[in-house]
Amino acid sequence: MGSTKTLVICFFAMIFAVSLSSHNVLASENFSFDNCHGPCSEYYGREECNNNCKNAGFRSGDCGSPCIPCPVKCCCQK
């Protein structure tokens, strides 16, 4: 009973953590990592990244990472 309870709690904790971090883009088909620069942080987030990319002539920008242990960077989209 104790190990089942622990397993269920860990499962829900992982789902909760993933749902909170879903605004960061992990490797997906429609997201290009060709034009990535500076890291995203709590001070430089999605909105700042998108604005800077648009000002640089790109269609949009978002914070993303090609893999989970990789740092999250601002990536401009053509």
Protein backbone atom coordinates (compact mmCIF):
# COMPACT_ATOMS: atom_id res chain seq x y z
CA MET A 1 0.00 0.00 0.00
CA GLY A 2 2.80 2.44 0.88
CA SER A 3 4.69 1.95 -2.38
CA THR A 4 1.50 2.29 -4.44
CA LYS A 5 0.64 5.54 -2.68
CA THR A 6 4.16 6.87 -3.28
CA LEU A 7 4.01 5.89 -6.95
CA VAL A 8 0.64 7.62 -7.44
CA ILE A 9 1.89 10.79 -5.71
CA CYS A 10 5.02 10.85 -7.91
CA PHE A 11 2.89 10.34 -11.02
CA PHE A 12 0.62 13.28 -10.19
CA ALA A 13 3.59 15.44 -9.21
CA MET A 14 5.17 14.80 -12.63
CA ILE A 15 1.92 15.65 -14.43
CA PHE A 16 1.64 18.85 -12.39
CA ALA A 17 5.24 19.85 -13.16
CA VAL A 18 4.78 19.21 -16.89
CA SER A 19 1.56 21.21 -16.98
CA LEU A 20 3.28 24.18 -15.32
CA SER A 21 6.18 24.15 -17.73
CA SER A 22 4.15 23.54 -20.88
CA HIS A 23 4.71 27.13 -22.05
CA ASN A 24 8.28 26.21 -22.95
CA VAL A 25 8.57 24.52 -26.29
CA LEU A 26 10.37 21.20 -26.49
CA ALA A 27 11.40 19.70 -29.81
CA SER A 28 8.42 19.75 -32.14
CA GLU A 29 7.88 19.60 -35.89
CA ASN A 30 6.85 23.22 -36.35
CA PHE A 31 9.49 24.81 -34.15
CA SER A 32 12.89 25.70 -35.59
CA PHE A 33 16.04 25.94 -33.48
CA ASP A 34 18.02 27.51 -36.35
CA ASN A 35 17.81 31.10 -35.06
CA CYS A 36 18.22 30.75 -31.30
CA HIS A 37 20.10 33.19 -29.12
CA GLY A 38 20.32 34.22 -25.44
CA PRO A 39 18.73 32.17 -22.69
CA CYS A 40 15.17 32.72 -21.53
CA SER A 41 14.64 33.38 -17.84
CA GLU A 42 12.04 34.78 -15.48
CA TYR A 43 13.18 38.26 -16.56
CA TYR A 44 13.49 37.53 -20.28
CA GLY A 45 10.53 35.36 -21.19
CA ARG A 46 8.22 34.53 -24.08
CA GLU A 47 6.88 38.06 -24.57
CA GLU A 48 10.30 39.72 -24.66
CA CYS A 49 11.62 36.99 -26.95
CA ASN A 50 8.67 37.37 -29.33
CA ASN A 51 9.01 41.18 -29.42
CA ASN A 52 12.78 41.06 -30.06
CA CYS A 53 12.37 38.51 -32.85
CA LYS A 54 9.63 40.57 -34.53
CA ASN A 55 11.81 43.68 -34.29
CA ALA A 56 14.61 41.70 -35.98
CA GLY A 57 12.32 40.85 -38.92
CA PHE A 58 11.14 37.38 -37.94
CA ARG A 59 7.51 36.22 -37.91
CA SER A 60 7.61 35.36 -34.19
CA GLY A 61 9.78 34.12 -31.36
CA ASP A 62 9.39 31.81 -28.38
CA CYS A 63 11.43 30.20 -25.66
CA GLY A 64 12.35 26.64 -26.47
CA SER A 65 14.75 23.79 -25.95
CA PRO A 66 15.57 20.85 -28.24
CA CYS A 67 15.90 18.50 -25.24
CA ILE A 68 14.98 18.45 -21.55
CA PRO A 69 18.49 18.96 -20.07
CA CYS A 70 19.35 21.61 -22.70
CA PRO A 71 19.02 25.29 -21.71
CA VAL A 72 15.87 27.14 -22.79
CA LYS A 73 16.73 29.83 -25.36
CA CYS A 74 14.89 32.47 -27.35
CA CYS A 75 14.34 31.06 -30.85
CA CYS A 76 13.09 33.26 -33.69
CA GLN A 77 10.75 31.71 -36.26
CA LYS A 78 10.75 32.58 -39.97
